Amino acid sequence: MDSRSIATAAVFGALWGVVNFFVSPYIFRLTRLPFFCDVIGLVSLFSALWVSRSPGTGTLVGIAATVVTLALRPGAFYFLGFTVASAFLDALVSLVGYERFFSRPVLWFLAAGVASAALAGLIIGAFFMGFKSAAAVLTWSGLHAIGGALGALVSVAVVKGLGKRIPA
């Protein structure tokens, strides 16, 4: 991992953490749905991975976002679910290969976004939400999966826009 990848991860991780602190709570209070957290997270992750195309960048974005989130809201340990999901997404993109992954973004973003957001929801639901049943945890994970699909679609548009402004 080079300095460009580290800087990219720091910028996108900080963006995710700050937007999560300032905007996400209001949207969650209005809707009681976790979609916005998934959307901003995936936009940050896919954008950073597109810019760097370097293994470890997604994991570092998740760690940076977690540090910022916990610094701004010390009790927000639920965000550790997103940290794990970031590492999972990073590994998945590395496994598929960056050129292959970004050559068909709708397909790959949807698959990876839904899987990683569902994983985040599963961890958050099982360990941080206080749900009493497996059905409640799986429902929460399913809601995050929907947020992952929305985030993937927004991310496709963002990455295509980045591609027009910044050549790969």
C-alpha atoms as a PDB file:
ATOM      1  CA  MET A   1       0.000   0.000   0.000  1.00  0.00           C
ATOM      2  CA  ASP A   2       1.446   3.351  -1.041  1.00  0.00           C
ATOM      3  CA  SER A   3       0.985   6.859   0.358  1.00  0.00           C
ATOM      4  CA  ARG A   4      -1.728   7.652  -2.211  1.00  0.00           C
ATOM      5  CA  SER A   5      -3.816   4.699  -0.989  1.00  0.00           C
ATOM      6  CA  ILE A   6      -3.341   5.687   2.647  1.00  0.00           C
ATOM      7  CA  ALA A   7      -4.331   9.302   1.921  1.00  0.00           C
ATOM      8  CA  THR A   8      -7.339   8.134  -0.099  1.00  0.00           C
ATOM      9  CA  ALA A   9      -8.462   5.868   2.735  1.00  0.00           C
ATOM     10  CA  ALA A  10      -8.021   8.659   5.281  1.00  0.00           C
ATOM     11  CA  VAL A  11     -10.078  11.128   3.242  1.00  0.00           C
ATOM     12  CA  PHE A  12     -12.928   8.729   2.470  1.00  0.00           C
ATOM     13  CA  GLY A  13     -12.900   7.275   5.989  1.00  0.00           C
ATOM     14  CA  ALA A  14     -13.094  10.758   7.512  1.00  0.00           C
ATOM     15  CA  LEU A  15     -15.895  11.669   5.105  1.00  0.00           C
ATOM     16  CA  TRP A  16     -17.856   8.590   6.123  1.00  0.00           C
ATOM     17  CA  GLY A  17     -17.311   9.211   9.840  1.00  0.00           C
ATOM     18  CA  VAL A  18     -18.251  12.895   9.719  1.00  0.00           C
ATOM     19  CA  VAL A  19     -21.362  12.380   7.577  1.00  0.00           C
ATOM     20  CA  ASN A  20     -22.306   9.479   9.839  1.00  0.00           C
ATOM     21  CA  PHE A  21     -22.061  11.793  12.852  1.00  0.00           C
ATOM     22  CA  PHE A  22     -23.854  14.823  11.436  1.00  0.00           C
ATOM     23  CA  VAL A  23     -26.519  13.378   9.109  1.00  0.00           C
ATOM     24  CA  SER A  24     -27.197   9.704   9.831  1.00  0.00           C
ATOM     25  CA  PRO A  25     -28.835  10.114  13.261  1.00  0.00           C
ATOM     26  CA  TYR A  26     -31.456  12.493  11.882  1.00  0.00           C
ATOM     27  CA  ILE A  27     -32.329  10.243   8.976  1.00  0.00           C
ATOM     28  CA  PHE A  28     -32.479   7.224  11.290  1.00  0.00           C
ATOM     29  CA  ARG A  29     -34.772   9.062  13.716  1.00  0.00           C
ATOM     30  CA  LEU A  30     -37.062  10.044  10.850  1.00  0.00           C
ATOM     31  CA  THR A  31     -37.249   6.644   9.168  1.00  0.00           C
ATOM     32  CA  ARG A  32     -36.071   4.082  11.762  1.00  0.00           C
ATOM     33  CA  LEU A  33     -34.287   2.424   8.835  1.00  0.00           C
ATOM     34  CA  PRO A  34     -30.514   1.945   8.527  1.00  0.00           C
ATOM     35  CA  PHE A  35     -30.322   2.675   4.796  1.00  0.00           C
ATOM     36  CA  PHE A  36     -28.422   5.965   4.920  1.00  0.00           C
ATOM     37  CA  CYS A  37     -25.534   4.481   6.923  1.00  0.00           C
ATOM     38  CA  ASP A  38     -25.146   1.788   4.275  1.00  0.00           C
ATOM     39  CA  VAL A  39     -25.351   4.260   1.387  1.00  0.00           C
ATOM     40  CA  ILE A  40     -22.710   6.664   2.718  1.00  0.00           C
ATOM     41  CA  GLY A  41     -20.475   3.763   3.740  1.00  0.00           C
ATOM     42  CA  LEU A  42     -20.580   2.065   0.360  1.00  0.00           C
ATOM     43  CA  VAL A  43     -20.096   5.303  -1.551  1.00  0.00           C
ATOM     44  CA  SER A  44     -17.007   5.976   0.572  1.00  0.00           C
ATOM     45  CA  LEU A  45     -15.679   2.428   0.197  1.00  0.00           C
ATOM     46  CA  PHE A  46     -16.286   1.971  -3.531  1.00  0.00           C
ATOM     47  CA  SER A  47     -14.916   5.437  -4.301  1.00  0.00           C
ATOM     48  CA  ALA A  48     -11.747   4.833  -2.298  1.00  0.00           C
ATOM     49  CA  LEU A  49     -11.264   1.394  -3.849  1.00  0.00           C
ATOM     50  CA  TRP A  50     -11.773   2.820  -7.327  1.00  0.00           C
ATOM     51  CA  VAL A  51      -9.219   5.584  -6.747  1.00  0.00           C
ATOM     52  CA  SER A  52      -6.535   3.408  -5.118  1.00  0.00           C
ATOM     53  CA  ARG A  53      -7.105  -0.096  -6.534  1.00  0.00           C
ATOM     54  CA  SER A  54      -4.909  -1.319  -3.731  1.00  0.00           C
ATOM     55  CA  PRO A  55      -5.568  -4.166  -1.253  1.00  0.00           C
ATOM     56  CA  GLY A  56      -6.140  -2.907   2.258  1.00  0.00           C
ATOM     57  CA  THR A  57      -7.638   0.433   1.248  1.00  0.00           C
ATOM     58  CA  GLY A  58     -11.216  -0.599   2.044  1.00  0.00           C
ATOM     59  CA  THR A  59     -10.171  -1.971   5.406  1.00  0.00           C
ATOM     60  CA  LEU A  60      -8.331   1.253   6.176  1.00  0.00           C
ATOM     61  CA  VAL A  61     -11.389   3.308   5.156  1.00  0.00           C
ATOM     62  CA  GLY A  62     -13.478   1.297   7.616  1.00  0.00           C
ATOM     63  CA  ILE A  63     -10.915   1.725  10.389  1.00  0.00           C
ATOM     64  CA  ALA A  64     -10.621   5.472   9.762  1.00  0.00           C
ATOM     65  CA  ALA A  65     -14.422   5.868   9.730  1.00  0.00           C
ATOM     66  CA  THR A  66     -14.648   3.897  12.970  1.00  0.00           C
ATOM     67  CA  VAL A  67     -12.004   6.036  14.668  1.00  0.00           C
ATOM     68  CA  VAL A  68     -13.739   9.250  13.573  1.00  0.00           C
ATOM     69  CA  THR A  69     -17.165   7.932  14.582  1.00  0.00           C
ATOM     70  CA  LEU A  70     -15.966   6.793  18.018  1.00  0.00           C
ATOM     71  CA  ALA A  71     -14.098  10.077  18.556  1.00  0.00           C
ATOM     72  CA  LEU A  72     -17.255  12.066  17.802  1.00  0.00           C
ATOM     73  CA  ARG A  73     -19.697   9.660  19.494  1.00  0.00           C
ATOM     74  CA  PRO A  74     -17.788   7.545  22.055  1.00  0.00           C
ATOM     75  CA  GLY A  75     -20.621   5.070  22.626  1.00  0.00           C
ATOM     76  CA  ALA A  76     -21.171   4.188  18.962  1.00  0.00           C
ATOM     77  CA  PHE A  77     -19.628   0.726  19.168  1.00  0.00           C
ATOM     78  CA  TYR A  78     -22.222  -0.584  16.712  1.00  0.00           C
ATOM     79  CA  PHE A  79     -19.953   0.917  14.047  1.00  0.00           C
ATOM     80  CA  LEU A  80     -17.596  -2.033  14.534  1.00  0.00           C
ATOM     81  CA  GLY A  81     -20.057  -3.980  12.364  1.00  0.00           C
ATOM     82  CA  PHE A  82     -19.223  -1.614   9.516  1.00  0.00           C
ATOM     83  CA  THR A  83     -15.511  -2.037  10.227  1.00  0.00           C
ATOM     84  CA  VAL A  84     -15.790  -5.789   9.738  1.00  0.00           C
ATOM     85  CA  ALA A  85     -17.969  -5.284   6.641  1.00  0.00           C
ATOM     86  CA  SER A  86     -15.334  -2.916   5.196  1.00  0.00           C
ATOM     87  CA  ALA A  87     -12.628  -5.557   5.588  1.00  0.00           C
ATOM     88  CA  PHE A  88     -14.962  -8.140   4.026  1.00  0.00           C
ATOM     89  CA  LEU A  89     -15.688  -5.862   1.044  1.00  0.00           C
ATOM     90  CA  ASP A  90     -11.991  -5.086   0.639  1.00  0.00           C
ATOM     91  CA  ALA A  91     -11.121  -8.791   0.578  1.00  0.00           C
ATOM     92  CA  LEU A  92     -13.945  -9.532  -1.859  1.00  0.00           C
ATOM     93  CA  VAL A  93     -12.863  -6.834  -4.322  1.00  0.00           C
ATOM     94  CA  SER A  94      -9.237  -7.984  -4.072  1.00  0.00           C
ATOM     95  CA  LEU A  95     -10.297 -11.586  -4.655  1.00  0.00           C
ATOM     96  CA  VAL A  96     -12.358 -10.710  -7.742  1.00  0.00           C
ATOM     97  CA  GLY A  97      -9.656  -8.382  -9.052  1.00  0.00           C
ATOM     98  CA  TYR A  98      -9.918  -4.629  -9.450  1.00  0.00           C
ATOM     99  CA  GLU A  99     -10.105  -4.515 -13.248  1.00  0.00           C
ATOM    100  CA  ARG A 100     -12.735  -7.237 -13.379  1.00  0.00           C
ATOM    101  CA  PHE A 101     -14.696  -5.711 -10.489  1.00  0.00           C
ATOM    102  CA  PHE A 102     -14.786  -2.207 -11.960  1.00  0.00           C
ATOM    103  CA  SER A 103     -15.424  -3.413 -15.530  1.00  0.00           C
ATOM    104  CA  ARG A 104     -19.009  -4.433 -14.600  1.00  0.00           C
ATOM    105  CA  PRO A 105     -19.842  -2.149 -11.693  1.00  0.00           C
ATOM    106  CA  VAL A 106     -23.596  -2.682 -11.525  1.00  0.00           C
ATOM    107  CA  LEU A 107     -23.268  -6.452 -11.129  1.00  0.00           C
ATOM    108  CA  TRP A 108     -20.285  -6.445  -8.784  1.00  0.00           C
ATOM    109  CA  PHE A 109     -21.302  -3.397  -6.731  1.00  0.00           C
ATOM    110  CA  LEU A 110     -24.749  -4.894  -6.115  1.00  0.00           C
ATOM    111  CA  ALA A 111     -23.403  -8.307  -5.118  1.00  0.00           C
ATOM    112  CA  ALA A 112     -20.609  -6.969  -2.920  1.00  0.00           C
ATOM    113  CA  GLY A 113     -22.676  -4.102  -1.501  1.00  0.00           C
ATOM    114  CA  VAL A 114     -25.593  -6.301  -0.493  1.00  0.00           C
ATOM    115  CA  ALA A 115     -23.313  -8.955   1.025  1.00  0.00           C
ATOM    116  CA  SER A 116     -21.170  -6.521   3.015  1.00  0.00           C
ATOM    117  CA  ALA A 117     -24.109  -4.425   4.258  1.00  0.00           C
ATOM    118  CA  ALA A 118     -25.977  -7.595   5.278  1.00  0.00           C
ATOM    119  CA  LEU A 119     -22.888  -8.706   7.206  1.00  0.00           C
ATOM    120  CA  ALA A 120     -22.730  -5.324   8.959  1.00  0.00           C
ATOM    121  CA  GLY A 121     -26.429  -5.598   9.817  1.00  0.00           C
ATOM    122  CA  LEU A 122     -25.962  -9.130  11.119  1.00  0.00           C
ATOM    123  CA  ILE A 123     -23.135  -8.064  13.436  1.00  0.00           C
ATOM    124  CA  ILE A 124     -24.922  -4.902  14.572  1.00  0.00           C
ATOM    125  CA  GLY A 125     -28.203  -6.739  15.129  1.00  0.00           C
ATOM    126  CA  ALA A 126     -26.633  -9.660  16.965  1.00  0.00           C
ATOM    127  CA  PHE A 127     -24.278  -7.720  19.243  1.00  0.00           C
ATOM    128  CA  PHE A 128     -25.419  -4.105  19.564  1.00  0.00           C
ATOM    129  CA  MET A 129     -29.181  -3.776  19.058  1.00  0.00           C
ATOM    130  CA  GLY A 130     -30.338  -5.984  21.914  1.00  0.00           C
ATOM    131  CA  PHE A 131     -32.616  -8.095  19.744  1.00  0.00           C
ATOM    132  CA  LYS A 132     -34.010 -11.143  21.516  1.00  0.00           C
ATOM    133  CA  SER A 133     -34.670 -13.398  18.519  1.00  0.00           C
ATOM    134  CA  ALA A 134     -32.860 -14.644  15.462  1.00  0.00           C
ATOM    135  CA  ALA A 135     -35.754 -13.379  13.340  1.00  0.00           C
ATOM    136  CA  ALA A 136     -35.189  -9.824  14.556  1.00  0.00           C
ATOM    137  CA  VAL A 137     -31.445 -10.048  13.839  1.00  0.00           C
ATOM    138  CA  LEU A 138     -32.078 -11.452  10.361  1.00  0.00           C
ATOM    139  CA  THR A 139     -34.680  -8.767   9.662  1.00  0.00           C
ATOM    140  CA  TRP A 140     -32.172  -6.074  10.664  1.00  0.00           C
ATOM    141  CA  SER A 141     -29.576  -7.733   8.427  1.00  0.00           C
ATOM    142  CA  GLY A 142     -32.113  -7.789   5.577  1.00  0.00           C
ATOM    143  CA  LEU A 143     -32.791  -4.082   6.037  1.00  0.00           C
ATOM    144  CA  HIS A 144     -29.068  -3.426   5.785  1.00  0.00           C
ATOM    145  CA  ALA A 145     -28.971  -5.580   2.641  1.00  0.00           C
ATOM    146  CA  ILE A 146     -31.600  -3.275   1.095  1.00  0.00           C
ATOM    147  CA  GLY A 147     -29.446  -0.327   2.134  1.00  0.00           C
ATOM    148  CA  GLY A 148     -26.511  -2.107   0.515  1.00  0.00           C
ATOM    149  CA  ALA A 149     -28.402  -2.368  -2.776  1.00  0.00           C
ATOM    150  CA  LEU A 150     -29.289   1.332  -2.634  1.00  0.00           C
ATOM    151  CA  GLY A 151     -25.711   2.215  -1.722  1.00  0.00           C
ATOM    152  CA  ALA A 152     -24.363   0.104  -4.559  1.00  0.00           C
ATOM    153  CA  LEU A 153     -26.555   1.855  -7.111  1.00  0.00           C
ATOM    154  CA  VAL A 154     -25.586   5.308  -5.841  1.00  0.00           C
ATOM    155  CA  SER A 155     -21.941   4.176  -5.838  1.00  0.00           C
ATOM    156  CA  VAL A 156     -22.135   3.132  -9.492  1.00  0.00           C
ATOM    157  CA  ALA A 157     -23.201   6.670 -10.394  1.00  0.00           C
ATOM    158  CA  VAL A 158     -20.495   8.233  -8.215  1.00  0.00           C
ATOM    159  CA  VAL A 159     -17.718   6.003  -9.556  1.00  0.00           C
ATOM    160  CA  LYS A 160     -18.814   6.570 -13.157  1.00  0.00           C
ATOM    161  CA  GLY A 161     -18.690  10.306 -12.430  1.00  0.00           C
ATOM    162  CA  LEU A 162     -15.235   9.948 -10.917  1.00  0.00           C
ATOM    163  CA  GLY A 163     -14.181   8.047 -14.038  1.00  0.00           C
ATOM    164  CA  LYS A 164     -15.134  11.009 -16.201  1.00  0.00           C
ATOM    165  CA  ARG A 165     -13.183  13.450 -14.014  1.00  0.00           C
ATOM    166  CA  ILE A 166     -10.230  11.301 -12.931  1.00  0.00           C
ATOM    167  CA  PRO A 167      -8.866   8.769 -15.441  1.00  0.00           C
ATOM    168  CA  ALA A 168      -8.282   5.330 -13.916  1.00  0.00           C
END
